[in-house]
Amino acid sequence: MICSADAFADILQQSSLVIGMTGTAVEQAVGLGKPVNSVPGNGPGFTYRFAEAQNRLLGDSVQVIGTQPANSHIIKEAALAGDRTLQDNKYLASCIKNGLERMGRSGGRIKIANYVANYL
């Protein structure tokens, strides 16, 4: 396994499926049209409650796996769900559409920066 601290965007672009345990990374994955299996964690920031709320916000691209913090059973369930997801071409196409509808096209940060610069 190769770990990298500065290649998130490159890895995400090349991914077919994301197993997510953080809010922002899941949002970015959905925006790129990637299906996400969201697995609650132990920490205070990414609980089952948060994952469910994020699922409502981001739509069908996010599948919450398990109601408790990740354990070996939930990780196995996520792997099986991932396998089913990758075989469902109709669902994968709907994730691309959902990403555009929920998060919009790229270029938002430049528009925001220009707006702030012009405002100031």
Protein backbone atom coordinates (compact mmCIF):
# COMPACT_ATOMS: atom_id res chain seq x y z
CA MET A 1 0.00 0.00 0.00
CA ILE A 2 1.23 3.48 -0.83
CA CYS A 3 0.27 6.35 1.46
CA SER A 4 0.54 9.96 0.40
CA ALA A 5 -0.22 13.14 2.30
CA ASP A 6 -0.56 15.41 -0.72
CA ALA A 7 -2.33 13.43 -3.43
CA PHE A 8 -5.96 13.45 -2.28
CA ALA A 9 -7.30 15.15 -5.41
CA ASP A 10 -5.37 12.84 -7.75
CA ILE A 11 -6.44 9.72 -5.87
CA LEU A 12 -10.06 10.86 -5.73
CA GLN A 13 -10.14 11.59 -9.48
CA GLN A 14 -8.95 8.04 -10.22
CA SER A 15 -11.27 6.33 -7.72
CA SER A 16 -14.36 4.40 -8.72
CA LEU A 17 -15.77 4.23 -5.19
CA VAL A 18 -14.99 6.06 -1.96
CA ILE A 19 -15.27 4.69 1.56
CA GLY A 20 -15.57 7.88 3.56
CA MET A 21 -15.29 8.70 7.23
CA THR A 22 -14.98 12.49 7.01
CA GLY A 23 -17.42 15.20 6.02
CA THR A 24 -15.44 17.29 3.56
CA ALA A 25 -13.90 14.36 1.71
CA VAL A 26 -17.32 12.80 1.22
CA GLU A 27 -18.67 16.09 -0.15
CA GLN A 28 -15.77 16.38 -2.58
CA ALA A 29 -16.26 12.80 -3.76
CA VAL A 30 -19.98 13.37 -4.37
CA GLY A 31 -19.18 16.56 -6.28
CA LEU A 32 -16.97 14.54 -8.60
CA GLY A 33 -19.74 12.02 -9.20
CA LYS A 34 -18.23 9.26 -7.10
CA PRO A 35 -20.39 6.83 -5.12
CA VAL A 36 -19.59 6.91 -1.40
CA ASN A 37 -19.99 4.27 1.27
CA SER A 38 -20.02 6.35 4.42
CA VAL A 39 -18.91 4.54 7.57
CA PRO A 40 -19.46 6.18 10.98
CA GLY A 41 -16.41 6.53 13.18
CA ASN A 42 -15.57 6.81 16.89
CA GLY A 43 -14.69 10.48 16.88
CA PRO A 44 -17.00 13.31 17.79
CA GLY A 45 -17.05 14.72 14.25
CA PHE A 46 -18.21 11.84 12.06
CA THR A 47 -20.85 9.89 13.91
CA TYR A 48 -23.81 7.94 12.55
CA ARG A 49 -26.01 10.97 13.16
CA PHE A 50 -23.66 13.19 11.13
CA ALA A 51 -23.41 10.60 8.33
CA GLU A 52 -27.21 10.38 8.10
CA ALA A 53 -27.55 14.17 7.97
CA GLN A 54 -24.88 14.34 5.27
CA ASN A 55 -26.70 11.62 3.34
CA ARG A 56 -29.87 13.74 3.36
CA LEU A 57 -27.86 16.74 2.14
CA LEU A 58 -25.90 14.93 -0.58
CA GLY A 59 -28.52 12.47 -1.76
CA ASP A 60 -28.31 8.97 -3.14
CA SER A 61 -24.59 9.11 -3.92
CA VAL A 62 -23.95 8.44 -0.23
CA GLN A 63 -24.82 5.08 1.30
CA VAL A 64 -24.42 5.00 5.08
CA ILE A 65 -23.09 1.62 6.18
CA GLY A 66 -23.82 0.67 9.78
CA THR A 67 -25.29 2.62 12.66
CA GLN A 68 -22.38 2.16 15.06
CA PRO A 69 -18.70 3.12 14.78
CA ALA A 70 -16.77 0.98 12.32
CA ASN A 71 -15.89 -2.53 13.40
CA SER A 72 -14.89 -5.62 11.44
CA HIS A 73 -18.52 -6.51 10.67
CA ILE A 74 -19.32 -3.02 9.36
CA ILE A 75 -16.14 -2.89 7.29
CA LYS A 76 -17.08 -6.24 5.73
CA GLU A 77 -20.58 -4.88 5.03
CA ALA A 78 -19.02 -1.80 3.39
CA ALA A 79 -16.85 -4.01 1.18
CA LEU A 80 -19.86 -6.06 0.05
CA ALA A 81 -21.87 -2.88 -0.58
CA GLY A 82 -18.95 -1.49 -2.57
CA ASP A 83 -18.84 -4.59 -4.75
CA ARG A 84 -22.59 -4.32 -5.46
CA THR A 85 -22.24 -0.61 -6.17
CA LEU A 86 -19.47 -1.06 -8.72
CA GLN A 87 -21.61 -3.55 -10.64
CA ASP A 88 -24.63 -1.22 -10.86
CA ASN A 89 -24.01 0.94 -13.95
CA LYS A 90 -27.37 2.70 -13.62
CA TYR A 91 -26.54 3.74 -10.06
CA LEU A 92 -23.03 4.87 -11.04
CA ALA A 93 -24.50 7.10 -13.76
CA SER A 94 -26.98 8.54 -11.26
CA CYS A 95 -24.06 9.46 -8.96
CA ILE A 96 -22.55 11.63 -11.69
CA LYS A 97 -25.85 13.42 -12.22
CA ASN A 98 -26.41 13.77 -8.47
CA GLY A 99 -22.96 15.26 -7.98
CA LEU A 100 -23.65 18.00 -10.50
CA GLU A 101 -27.08 18.71 -9.03
CA ARG A 102 -25.92 18.79 -5.41
CA MET A 103 -22.50 20.39 -5.70
CA GLY A 104 -22.50 22.18 -9.07
CA ARG A 105 -19.76 22.42 -11.66
CA SER A 106 -16.15 23.22 -10.86
CA GLY A 107 -14.92 26.79 -10.61
CA GLY A 108 -16.83 27.91 -7.53
CA ARG A 109 -13.76 28.84 -5.49
CA ILE A 110 -12.52 31.21 -8.22
CA LYS A 111 -15.94 32.87 -8.43
CA ILE A 112 -16.07 33.26 -4.66
CA ALA A 113 -12.52 34.67 -4.51
CA ASN A 114 -13.31 37.17 -7.27
CA TYR A 115 -16.53 38.21 -5.55
CA VAL A 116 -14.71 38.79 -2.25
CA ALA A 117 -11.88 40.66 -3.98
CA ASN A 118 -14.34 42.93 -5.80
CA TYR A 119 -16.38 43.48 -2.66
CA LEU A 120 -13.34 44.51 -0.63
